[in-house]
Amino acid sequence: MHTLVFLSTRQVLQCQPAACQALPLLPRELFPLLFKVAFMDKKTAVLQELVHTWPFPLLSFQQLLQECAHCSRALLQERLSTESMQAVILGLTARLHTPEREAGIQPFCRKHALRVLDMTGLLDDGVEQDPGTMSMWDCTAAVARTCIAQQQGGTAEPELSLPVPVEVRVDLRVNRASYTFLHEALQSSVDSPLRLCCRDLRAEDLPMRNTVALLQLLDAGCLRRIDLRFNNLGLRGLSVIIPHVARFQHLASLRLHYVHGDSRQPSVDGEDNFRYFLAQMGRFVCLRELSMGSSLLSGRLDQLLGTLQSPLESLELAFCALLPEDLRFLAQSSHAAHLKKLDLSGNDLSGNQLIPFQGLLQAVAATLLHLELTECQLADAQLLATLPTLTQCVSLRYLGLYGNPLSMAGLKELLRDSVVQAELRTVVHPFPVDCYEGLPWPPPASVLLEASINEEKFARVEAELHQLLLASGRAHVLWTTDIYGRLAADYFSL
């Protein structure tokens, strides 16, 4: 329910020209709520003027667009309005092109001028496109264009009239198509009053030299995550990039993929590159998340994790061909007692891996919040044998089991036993093998992912699972097969 202050603020903003004129007369304590209401109701003229005259050193989307005492709506969890986002950019541009003495902030001393515009944490693109909303990439592009235009426009004003520099914090997504544009924006912002500061960098399918060039332009004090996707670096490419990554001493999250050489013909150069990579990994002091998806780490997990200076809280080892000794090492390492998130997807846990896996679960039970086991070839027998250990993870919030050959009976047993996990909110389960026609046994993961199911049978399964949840008083727990709509939570949100 909205407060009286919120309703009054909404009423004040109905007439935008009058509201813009009244801004200098309003208490500055109202500006945060004015910003949220103007953003929510697309009062773009007011929103632009608010940014133009913002009286605080910080304007943070994460603070202003979240649930508050006056309004329970969390805008940052939605795709943001293109109109409102453009109004913010226009207000920032106007501020940069207006001398401070004319910017409408003269009642406040220079220390109150806007110093940081934090636009991080926007909802990512997802799978649906909506022309009325602005994605993280669209926002990044708009800010980048402003950086370039500001540098190209220059200034002929005296030094005392120059605007106070504004640091704009953003999350950057870059691929081959956008690389040149973003590289120019980062270069332009170095000596510009609008300084682009990247918090999270996600580079997809980017040549090695371009990745290095971007890393050289980023502020080492601001970056918290580097995510290199679909780059297929191999050990040789990684050995070139990793020293540039290692200079970010405050880096908390490093996500790398496809890091391996040719296992059939191991070379001296490959081993040298791997040792060099390990040496560079030992330089990180703040690293808390490591993702090495689709990297060949068979029998080498001890070498990788043994070099790290601090325990990890999130570890993703999807499709890494792990061996029993890898799981045993992880269970006995210092990382196990700190892990909040663990992803072992794509590793076969059904044979001689099962007992080491159960030992690992026992080691992480006290802290684990998020467990991803997609396509691990876990059938009913393996799941039932693991349930006593799995249910010891009493703080678990998310369990991913998609792509495993489980039957309806196995899922029902899991549902009943998980009643002791009071924090559990989401279970992503596979289509039960009972719902397929003529399924080979044991079924390969590719068959489970691609074969058609009997929709009528599955509808009955869903209804029965729902009834079991209701009967156990856990209607709030989501059981779903929607792996794309329920992706694993980000480490920083845990």
Protein backbone atom coordinates (compact mmCIF):
# COMPACT_ATOMS: atom_id res chain seq x y z
CA MET A 1 0.00 0.00 0.00
CA HIS A 2 1.37 3.41 -0.95
CA THR A 3 2.02 5.98 1.75
CA LEU A 4 0.45 9.43 1.84
CA VAL A 5 3.84 10.92 0.95
CA PHE A 6 4.02 8.74 -2.17
CA LEU A 7 0.49 9.67 -3.25
CA SER A 8 1.20 13.35 -2.67
CA THR A 9 4.42 13.12 -4.69
CA ARG A 10 2.57 11.45 -7.55
CA GLN A 11 0.00 14.25 -7.49
CA VAL A 12 2.71 16.94 -7.54
CA LEU A 13 4.18 15.41 -10.70
CA GLN A 14 0.91 15.35 -12.65
CA CYS A 15 1.69 18.72 -14.22
CA GLN A 16 5.28 18.35 -15.38
CA PRO A 17 6.05 22.01 -16.29
CA ALA A 18 4.87 23.18 -12.87
CA ALA A 19 6.76 20.36 -11.14
CA CYS A 20 10.00 21.28 -12.93
CA GLN A 21 9.63 24.89 -11.81
CA ALA A 22 8.94 23.81 -8.24
CA LEU A 23 11.99 21.53 -7.87
CA PRO A 24 14.29 24.27 -6.45
CA LEU A 25 11.67 24.96 -3.76
CA LEU A 26 11.21 21.35 -2.64
CA PRO A 27 13.22 19.81 0.23
CA ARG A 28 16.16 17.85 -1.12
CA GLU A 29 15.09 14.90 1.07
CA LEU A 30 12.18 14.39 -1.34
CA PHE A 31 14.40 13.98 -4.40
CA PRO A 32 14.89 10.17 -4.05
CA LEU A 33 11.12 9.57 -3.94
CA LEU A 34 10.54 12.13 -6.70
CA PHE A 35 13.01 10.18 -8.85
CA LYS A 36 11.29 6.84 -8.28
CA VAL A 37 7.80 8.20 -8.95
CA ALA A 38 8.92 10.10 -12.05
CA PHE A 39 10.68 6.96 -13.32
CA MET A 40 7.69 4.75 -12.59
CA ASP A 41 5.11 7.09 -14.16
CA LYS A 42 7.34 8.07 -17.11
CA LYS A 43 7.33 11.74 -16.19
CA THR A 44 10.29 12.24 -18.46
CA ALA A 45 10.52 16.03 -18.27
CA VAL A 46 10.66 15.91 -14.48
CA LEU A 47 13.07 12.97 -14.53
CA GLN A 48 15.44 14.81 -16.85
CA GLU A 49 15.36 17.91 -14.64
CA LEU A 50 15.91 15.81 -11.50
CA VAL A 51 19.14 14.40 -12.94
CA HIS A 52 20.12 17.85 -14.22
CA THR A 53 19.81 19.35 -10.71
CA TRP A 54 20.50 16.30 -8.52
CA PRO A 55 21.73 17.67 -5.15
CA PHE A 56 23.56 14.60 -3.84
CA PRO A 57 27.00 13.15 -4.71
CA LEU A 58 25.44 9.76 -5.61
CA LEU A 59 22.52 8.82 -7.86
CA SER A 60 22.15 5.05 -7.64
CA PHE A 61 19.54 3.03 -9.50
CA GLN A 62 20.02 0.17 -7.03
CA GLN A 63 19.08 2.44 -4.13
CA LEU A 64 16.35 4.52 -5.77
CA LEU A 65 14.46 1.92 -7.80
CA GLN A 66 14.13 -0.79 -5.19
CA GLU A 67 11.29 -1.48 -2.78
CA CYS A 68 11.04 1.33 -0.23
CA ALA A 69 8.94 2.45 2.74
CA HIS A 70 6.64 4.42 0.42
CA CYS A 71 6.22 1.93 -2.44
CA SER A 72 6.72 -1.85 -2.54
CA ARG A 73 7.42 -1.95 -6.28
CA ALA A 74 11.03 -2.91 -7.12
CA LEU A 75 11.59 -1.39 -10.57
CA LEU A 76 15.10 -2.80 -10.84
CA GLN A 77 13.60 -6.29 -11.08
CA GLU A 78 11.70 -5.25 -14.22
CA ARG A 79 12.78 -4.25 -17.70
CA LEU A 80 13.13 -0.51 -17.40
CA SER A 81 11.20 1.94 -19.54
CA THR A 82 13.09 3.23 -22.57
CA GLU A 83 11.50 6.65 -22.15
CA SER A 84 12.63 6.95 -18.54
CA MET A 85 16.14 5.70 -19.25
CA GLN A 86 16.54 8.15 -22.11
CA ALA A 87 15.37 10.96 -19.84
CA VAL A 88 18.14 10.10 -17.37
CA ILE A 89 20.74 10.19 -20.16
CA LEU A 90 19.40 13.54 -21.41
CA GLY A 91 19.50 14.96 -17.89
CA LEU A 92 23.10 13.81 -17.51
CA THR A 93 24.03 15.34 -20.88
CA ALA A 94 22.38 18.63 -19.92
CA ARG A 95 24.28 18.66 -16.65
CA LEU A 96 27.61 18.14 -18.40
CA HIS A 97 26.90 20.98 -20.82
CA THR A 98 25.71 23.43 -18.18
CA PRO A 99 28.24 25.39 -16.09
CA GLU A 100 27.74 24.69 -12.40
CA ARG A 101 26.74 28.27 -11.66
CA GLU A 102 23.80 27.87 -14.06
CA ALA A 103 22.83 24.28 -13.25
CA GLY A 104 20.27 25.12 -10.62
CA ILE A 105 22.34 23.78 -7.72
CA GLN A 106 23.76 27.06 -6.49
CA PRO A 107 22.06 26.76 -3.06
CA PHE A 108 24.42 23.85 -2.35
CA CYS A 109 28.17 23.94 -2.17
CA ARG A 110 30.34 22.19 -4.76
CA LYS A 111 30.78 19.08 -2.60
CA HIS A 112 27.07 18.27 -3.13
CA ALA A 113 27.41 18.10 -6.92
CA LEU A 114 26.70 14.76 -8.56
CA ARG A 115 29.87 12.66 -8.61
CA VAL A 116 28.60 9.12 -9.29
CA LEU A 117 25.71 7.88 -11.44
CA ASP A 118 25.36 4.17 -10.70
CA MET A 119 23.36 2.38 -13.41
CA THR A 120 24.50 -1.14 -12.56
CA GLY A 121 22.25 -4.06 -11.75
CA LEU A 122 19.80 -3.66 -14.65
CA LEU A 123 17.79 -6.69 -15.66
CA ASP A 124 19.60 -8.53 -18.45
CA ASP A 125 18.16 -9.00 -21.94
CA GLY A 126 16.57 -12.39 -21.34
CA VAL A 127 14.85 -14.23 -24.16
CA GLU A 128 12.06 -11.77 -24.93
CA GLN A 129 12.52 -8.40 -26.61
CA ASP A 130 10.21 -5.50 -25.78
CA PRO A 131 10.62 -2.27 -27.76
CA GLY A 132 9.13 -0.30 -24.86
CA THR A 133 11.87 -1.30 -22.43
CA MET A 134 15.62 -0.84 -22.32
CA SER A 135 17.99 -3.77 -21.83
CA MET A 136 21.34 -3.67 -20.10
CA TRP A 137 23.03 -3.50 -23.51
CA ASP A 138 20.78 -0.63 -24.70
CA CYS A 139 21.58 1.32 -21.56
CA THR A 140 25.31 0.71 -21.98
CA ALA A 141 25.12 1.86 -25.60
CA ALA A 142 23.27 5.04 -24.66
CA VAL A 143 25.84 5.96 -22.02
CA ALA A 144 28.69 5.08 -24.39
CA ARG A 145 27.26 7.37 -27.08
CA THR A 146 27.10 10.16 -24.51
CA CYS A 147 30.77 9.58 -23.62
CA ILE A 148 31.81 9.77 -27.28
CA ALA A 149 29.68 12.84 -27.98
CA GLN A 150 31.00 14.63 -24.88
CA GLN A 151 34.62 14.05 -25.93
CA GLN A 152 34.02 15.01 -29.55
CA GLY A 153 32.10 18.15 -28.53
CA GLY A 154 34.90 19.38 -26.28
CA THR A 155 34.48 22.62 -24.31
CA ALA A 156 35.54 26.18 -24.77
CA GLU A 157 34.48 27.35 -21.33
CA PRO A 158 36.88 28.70 -18.69
CA GLU A 159 38.20 26.17 -16.23
CA LEU A 160 36.05 27.44 -13.39
CA SER A 161 32.92 26.80 -15.43
CA LEU A 162 33.68 23.19 -16.20
CA PRO A 163 31.17 20.70 -14.79
CA VAL A 164 32.18 18.46 -11.93
CA PRO A 165 33.33 15.12 -13.43
CA VAL A 166 30.70 12.40 -13.17
CA GLU A 167 31.65 8.75 -12.85
CA VAL A 168 29.05 6.56 -14.56
CA ARG A 169 29.08 2.98 -13.30
CA VAL A 170 27.71 0.42 -15.74
CA ASP A 171 27.81 -3.28 -16.55
CA LEU A 172 29.31 -3.78 -20.01
CA ARG A 173 28.37 -6.46 -22.54
CA VAL A 174 30.54 -6.63 -25.63
CA ASN A 175 30.82 -8.87 -28.71
CA ARG A 176 32.46 -8.61 -32.12
CA ALA A 177 29.75 -6.29 -33.43
CA SER A 178 29.91 -3.82 -30.53
CA TYR A 179 33.62 -3.96 -29.73
CA THR A 180 34.79 -0.95 -31.78
CA PHE A 181 31.98 1.21 -30.45
CA LEU A 182 32.60 0.38 -26.78
CA HIS A 183 36.37 0.60 -27.14
CA GLU A 184 35.96 4.14 -28.48
CA ALA A 185 33.62 5.01 -25.60
CA LEU A 186 36.09 3.77 -22.98
CA GLN A 187 38.92 5.67 -24.64
CA SER A 188 36.79 8.82 -24.85
CA SER A 189 35.88 8.69 -21.18
CA VAL A 190 39.50 8.68 -19.96
CA ASP A 191 39.89 12.47 -20.21
CA SER A 192 36.21 13.37 -20.28
CA PRO A 193 34.04 14.87 -17.52
CA LEU A 194 31.88 11.78 -18.10
CA ARG A 195 33.98 8.84 -16.93
CA LEU A 196 32.76 5.37 -17.78
CA CYS A 197 33.47 2.86 -15.02
CA CYS A 198 32.76 -0.83 -15.65
CA ARG A 199 31.59 -2.99 -12.73
CA ASP A 200 30.93 -6.27 -14.60
CA LEU A 201 32.47 -7.06 -18.01
CA ARG A 202 30.92 -9.76 -20.18
CA ALA A 203 32.77 -10.39 -23.45
CA GLU A 204 31.29 -12.89 -25.89
CA ASP A 205 33.06 -14.44 -28.88
CA LEU A 206 35.73 -11.75 -28.84
CA PRO A 207 39.19 -12.18 -30.39
CA MET A 208 42.04 -12.36 -27.93
CA ARG A 209 43.66 -9.07 -28.97
CA ASN A 210 40.34 -7.22 -28.56
CA THR A 211 39.78 -8.71 -25.12
CA VAL A 212 43.23 -7.55 -24.02
CA ALA A 213 42.63 -4.06 -25.45
CA LEU A 214 39.41 -3.71 -23.44
CA LEU A 215 40.99 -4.96 -20.23
CA GLN A 216 43.75 -2.37 -20.57
CA LEU A 217 41.16 0.43 -20.59
CA LEU A 218 39.18 -0.65 -17.53
CA ASP A 219 39.55 0.88 -14.08
CA ALA A 220 41.19 -1.69 -11.80
CA GLY A 221 39.46 -0.26 -8.73
CA CYS A 222 35.92 -0.60 -10.08
CA LEU A 223 35.79 -4.00 -11.79
CA ARG A 224 34.34 -6.86 -9.73
CA ARG A 225 33.65 -9.48 -12.45
CA ILE A 226 35.15 -10.64 -15.73
CA ASP A 227 33.05 -13.07 -17.78
CA LEU A 228 34.61 -14.40 -21.00
CA ARG A 229 32.05 -16.47 -22.92
CA PHE A 230 32.31 -18.49 -26.14
CA ASN A 231 35.84 -17.25 -26.76
CA ASN A 232 37.35 -20.77 -26.89
CA LEU A 233 40.65 -19.40 -25.66
CA GLY A 234 42.44 -22.64 -24.99
CA LEU A 235 45.46 -22.64 -22.71
CA ARG A 236 47.58 -20.65 -25.13
CA GLY A 237 45.07 -17.82 -25.44
CA LEU A 238 44.40 -17.81 -21.73
CA SER A 239 48.09 -17.51 -20.94
CA VAL A 240 48.10 -14.28 -22.98
CA ILE A 241 44.98 -12.81 -21.33
CA ILE A 242 45.40 -13.93 -17.71
CA PRO A 243 48.16 -11.46 -16.71
CA HIS A 244 45.91 -8.61 -17.85
CA VAL A 245 43.09 -10.09 -15.78
CA ALA A 246 45.33 -10.59 -12.73
CA ARG A 247 46.02 -6.86 -12.45
CA PHE A 248 42.46 -6.42 -11.13
CA GLN A 249 43.30 -7.16 -7.53
CA HIS A 250 39.74 -6.47 -6.31
CA LEU A 251 38.19 -8.93 -8.76
CA ALA A 252 35.58 -11.06 -6.96
CA SER A 253 34.26 -13.17 -9.85
CA LEU A 254 36.09 -14.76 -12.79
CA ARG A 255 34.14 -16.74 -15.37
CA LEU A 256 36.12 -18.60 -18.05
CA HIS A 257 35.05 -21.30 -20.48
CA TYR A 258 36.65 -23.83 -22.83
CA VAL A 259 40.06 -23.72 -21.16
CA HIS A 260 41.92 -26.84 -22.25
CA GLY A 261 44.49 -28.13 -24.67
CA ASP A 262 44.45 -31.34 -26.64
CA SER A 263 44.19 -34.13 -24.05
CA ARG A 264 45.06 -36.75 -26.68
CA GLN A 265 48.40 -35.11 -27.45
CA PRO A 266 49.54 -33.16 -24.39
CA SER A 267 52.45 -30.90 -25.23
CA VAL A 268 55.25 -29.27 -23.30
CA ASP A 269 53.91 -25.86 -24.36
CA GLY A 270 50.46 -26.80 -23.07
CA GLU A 271 51.86 -27.75 -19.65
CA ASP A 272 53.91 -24.57 -19.51
CA ASN A 273 50.83 -22.51 -20.34
CA PHE A 274 48.81 -24.28 -17.64
CA ARG A 275 51.51 -23.69 -15.02
CA TYR A 276 51.69 -20.03 -16.03
CA PHE A 277 47.89 -19.77 -15.72
CA LEU A 278 48.06 -21.29 -12.22
CA ALA A 279 50.78 -18.86 -11.18
CA GLN A 280 48.64 -15.90 -12.28
CA MET A 281 45.59 -17.28 -10.48
CA GLY A 282 47.62 -17.22 -7.29
CA ARG A 283 47.76 -13.41 -7.51
CA PHE A 284 44.07 -12.91 -6.75
CA VAL A 285 43.33 -11.98 -3.16
CA CYS A 286 39.60 -11.14 -3.36
CA LEU A 287 38.34 -13.86 -5.71
CA ARG A 288 35.17 -15.49 -4.38
CA GLU A 289 33.59 -16.97 -7.53
CA LEU A 290 35.27 -19.10 -10.19
CA SER A 291 33.50 -20.59 -13.21
CA MET A 292 35.42 -22.91 -15.55
CA GLY A 293 32.59 -24.37 -17.62
CA SER A 294 33.48 -26.82 -20.41
CA SER A 295 37.14 -26.88 -19.42
CA LEU A 296 39.08 -30.14 -19.28
CA LEU A 297 40.06 -30.38 -15.60
CA SER A 298 40.21 -34.16 -15.15
CA GLY A 299 42.56 -34.87 -12.24
CA ARG A 300 43.73 -31.23 -12.12
CA LEU A 301 41.27 -29.61 -9.74
CA ASP A 302 43.77 -29.77 -6.90
CA GLN A 303 46.30 -27.81 -8.97
CA LEU A 304 43.74 -25.16 -9.88
CA LEU A 305 42.12 -24.61 -6.50
CA GLY A 306 45.32 -25.15 -4.53
CA THR A 307 46.81 -21.95 -5.99
CA LEU A 308 44.05 -19.64 -4.75
CA GLN A 309 44.79 -17.42 -1.77
CA SER A 310 41.25 -17.35 -0.32
CA PRO A 311 38.36 -19.84 -0.12
CA LEU A 312 35.74 -19.64 -2.87
CA GLU A 313 32.04 -19.12 -2.19
CA SER A 314 30.85 -20.04 -5.69
CA LEU A 315 32.34 -22.73 -7.91
CA GLU A 316 31.01 -23.73 -11.33
CA LEU A 317 32.57 -26.81 -12.93
CA ALA A 318 29.97 -27.73 -15.55
CA PHE A 319 31.09 -30.25 -18.18
CA CYS A 320 34.65 -30.43 -16.84
CA ALA A 321 35.01 -34.25 -17.00
CA LEU A 322 35.75 -34.43 -13.28
CA LEU A 323 37.19 -37.61 -11.76
CA PRO A 324 36.53 -39.11 -8.31
CA GLU A 325 39.82 -37.69 -7.03
CA ASP A 326 38.69 -34.19 -8.06
CA LEU A 327 35.54 -34.47 -5.97
CA ARG A 328 37.46 -35.93 -3.03
CA PHE A 329 39.98 -33.09 -3.15
CA LEU A 330 37.23 -30.47 -3.20
CA ALA A 331 35.47 -32.10 -0.24
CA GLN A 332 38.70 -31.97 1.82
CA SER A 333 39.77 -28.48 0.70
CA SER A 334 39.26 -25.21 2.56
CA HIS A 335 36.76 -24.16 -0.12
CA ALA A 336 34.15 -26.74 0.93
CA ALA A 337 33.32 -25.03 4.22
CA HIS A 338 32.58 -21.72 2.45
CA LEU A 339 30.71 -22.73 -0.73
CA LYS A 340 27.29 -21.14 -1.19
CA LYS A 341 26.90 -22.13 -4.83
CA LEU A 342 28.09 -25.30 -6.58
CA ASP A 343 27.49 -26.31 -10.19
CA LEU A 344 28.54 -29.82 -11.26
CA SER A 345 26.31 -30.04 -14.34
CA GLY A 346 27.39 -32.33 -17.14
CA ASN A 347 29.69 -34.46 -14.96
CA ASP A 348 28.70 -38.13 -14.70
CA LEU A 349 27.92 -38.71 -11.01
CA SER A 350 26.22 -42.07 -11.43
CA GLY A 351 29.10 -44.56 -11.21
CA ASN A 352 32.29 -44.42 -9.16
CA GLN A 353 31.69 -40.68 -8.77
CA LEU A 354 28.61 -41.17 -6.59
CA ILE A 355 30.29 -41.83 -3.22
CA PRO A 356 32.84 -38.97 -3.63
CA PHE A 357 29.94 -36.72 -4.65
CA GLN A 358 28.03 -37.66 -1.50
CA GLY A 359 31.12 -36.90 0.56
CA LEU A 360 31.34 -33.50 -1.12
CA LEU A 361 27.69 -32.76 -0.33
CA GLN A 362 28.32 -33.57 3.31
CA ALA A 363 31.31 -31.21 3.36
CA VAL A 364 29.35 -28.26 1.89
CA ALA A 365 26.05 -28.92 3.70
CA ALA A 366 26.45 -26.14 6.28
CA THR A 367 26.76 -23.27 3.78
CA LEU A 368 25.28 -24.44 0.45
CA LEU A 369 22.41 -22.32 -0.91
CA HIS A 370 22.46 -23.23 -4.59
CA LEU A 371 23.13 -26.65 -6.17
CA GLU A 372 23.06 -27.28 -9.93
CA LEU A 373 23.17 -30.92 -11.11
CA THR A 374 21.80 -30.71 -14.64
CA GLU A 375 22.63 -33.71 -16.89
CA CYS A 376 24.59 -35.65 -14.26
CA GLN A 377 23.03 -39.06 -15.22
CA LEU A 378 21.39 -39.42 -11.83
CA ALA A 379 18.62 -42.02 -11.96
CA ASP A 380 16.25 -42.98 -9.13
CA ALA A 381 18.75 -45.34 -7.47
CA GLN A 382 21.49 -42.69 -7.28
CA LEU A 383 19.08 -39.97 -6.13
CA LEU A 384 17.56 -42.12 -3.38
CA ALA A 385 21.03 -43.11 -2.16
CA THR A 386 22.00 -39.42 -2.05
CA LEU A 387 18.85 -38.07 -0.37
CA PRO A 388 20.07 -38.58 3.24
CA THR A 389 23.09 -36.41 2.47
CA LEU A 390 21.27 -33.95 0.22
CA THR A 391 18.67 -33.18 2.89
CA GLN A 392 21.48 -32.23 5.29
CA CYS A 393 21.85 -29.08 3.16
CA VAL A 394 19.22 -27.37 5.31
CA SER A 395 19.88 -23.87 3.92
CA LEU A 396 19.47 -24.93 0.28
CA ARG A 397 17.26 -22.53 -1.71
CA TYR A 398 17.67 -23.85 -5.25
CA LEU A 399 18.13 -27.37 -6.64
CA GLY A 400 18.62 -28.00 -10.36
CA LEU A 401 18.10 -31.57 -11.58
CA TYR A 402 17.04 -31.02 -15.18
CA GLY A 403 18.17 -33.58 -17.75
CA ASN A 404 18.52 -36.51 -15.30
CA PRO A 405 16.68 -39.84 -15.92
CA LEU A 406 14.34 -39.64 -12.91
CA SER A 407 10.92 -41.24 -12.69
CA MET A 408 7.80 -39.87 -11.06
CA ALA A 409 8.44 -42.17 -8.10
CA GLY A 410 11.91 -40.67 -7.64
CA LEU A 411 10.57 -37.12 -7.80
CA LYS A 412 7.86 -37.88 -5.25
CA GLU A 413 10.47 -39.33 -2.89
CA LEU A 414 12.57 -36.19 -3.31
CA LEU A 415 9.57 -33.97 -2.64
CA ARG A 416 8.68 -35.85 0.54
CA ASP A 417 12.23 -35.92 1.93
CA SER A 418 12.92 -32.27 1.13
CA VAL A 419 10.27 -31.16 3.63
CA VAL A 420 13.09 -30.67 6.15
CA GLN A 421 14.70 -28.06 3.87
CA ALA A 422 12.69 -25.08 5.04
CA GLU A 423 14.62 -22.58 2.88
CA LEU A 424 14.06 -24.45 -0.40
CA ARG A 425 12.20 -22.24 -2.89
CA THR A 426 12.91 -23.64 -6.37
CA VAL A 427 13.41 -27.14 -7.77
CA VAL A 428 14.05 -27.43 -11.51
CA HIS A 429 13.29 -31.08 -12.24
CA PRO A 430 13.40 -33.16 -15.44
CA PHE A 431 10.43 -34.51 -17.34
CA PRO A 432 9.95 -37.90 -15.66
CA VAL A 433 11.04 -40.89 -17.73
CA ASP A 434 7.48 -42.19 -17.30
CA CYS A 435 6.32 -39.47 -19.69
CA TYR A 436 8.46 -40.57 -22.66
CA GLU A 437 7.52 -43.23 -25.18
CA GLY A 438 10.02 -45.98 -26.09
CA LEU A 439 12.90 -44.49 -24.13
CA PRO A 440 16.22 -46.41 -24.38
CA TRP A 441 17.83 -47.32 -21.06
CA PRO A 442 19.95 -45.85 -19.73
CA PRO A 443 18.84 -42.81 -21.74
CA PRO A 444 21.57 -40.44 -22.94
CA ALA A 445 21.11 -36.83 -21.87
CA SER A 446 20.66 -35.81 -25.52
CA VAL A 447 17.60 -38.08 -25.77
CA LEU A 448 16.06 -36.64 -22.60
CA LEU A 449 16.56 -33.12 -23.91
CA GLU A 450 15.30 -33.72 -27.45
CA ALA A 451 12.75 -36.57 -27.39
CA SER A 452 9.06 -35.69 -27.30
CA ILE A 453 7.01 -36.39 -24.21
CA ASN A 454 3.40 -37.42 -23.70
CA GLU A 455 1.76 -34.13 -22.72
CA GLU A 456 -1.25 -35.84 -21.15
CA LYS A 457 0.93 -37.96 -18.88
CA PHE A 458 3.02 -34.96 -17.88
CA ALA A 459 -0.06 -32.91 -17.04
CA ARG A 460 -1.07 -35.64 -14.57
CA VAL A 461 2.46 -35.59 -13.09
CA GLU A 462 2.31 -31.83 -12.58
CA ALA A 463 -1.08 -32.06 -10.92
CA GLU A 464 0.11 -34.80 -8.56
CA LEU A 465 3.26 -32.88 -7.59
CA HIS A 466 1.16 -29.79 -6.92
CA GLN A 467 -1.19 -31.75 -4.69
CA LEU A 468 1.75 -33.19 -2.75
CA LEU A 469 3.14 -29.68 -2.22
CA LEU A 470 -0.23 -28.45 -0.98
CA ALA A 471 -0.62 -31.42 1.36
CA SER A 472 2.82 -30.77 2.90
CA GLY A 473 2.13 -27.04 3.34
CA ARG A 474 4.75 -26.00 0.76
CA ALA A 475 2.69 -24.41 -1.98
CA HIS A 476 5.26 -21.58 -2.02
CA VAL A 477 7.97 -23.94 -3.36
CA LEU A 478 8.22 -23.84 -7.15
CA TRP A 479 8.68 -27.18 -8.91
CA THR A 480 9.24 -26.56 -12.60
CA THR A 481 10.82 -27.94 -15.77
CA ASP A 482 11.47 -24.42 -17.08
CA ILE A 483 15.27 -24.37 -17.08
CA TYR A 484 15.46 -21.18 -19.13
CA GLY A 485 13.09 -19.13 -17.00
CA ARG A 486 14.75 -20.23 -13.76
CA LEU A 487 18.46 -19.85 -14.39
CA ALA A 488 20.76 -20.25 -11.42
CA ALA A 489 20.94 -17.15 -9.25
CA ASP A 490 23.87 -14.86 -9.68
CA TYR A 491 26.57 -15.22 -7.01
CA PHE A 492 26.25 -11.55 -5.99
CA SER A 493 22.53 -12.01 -5.28
CA LEU A 494 23.00 -14.94 -2.89
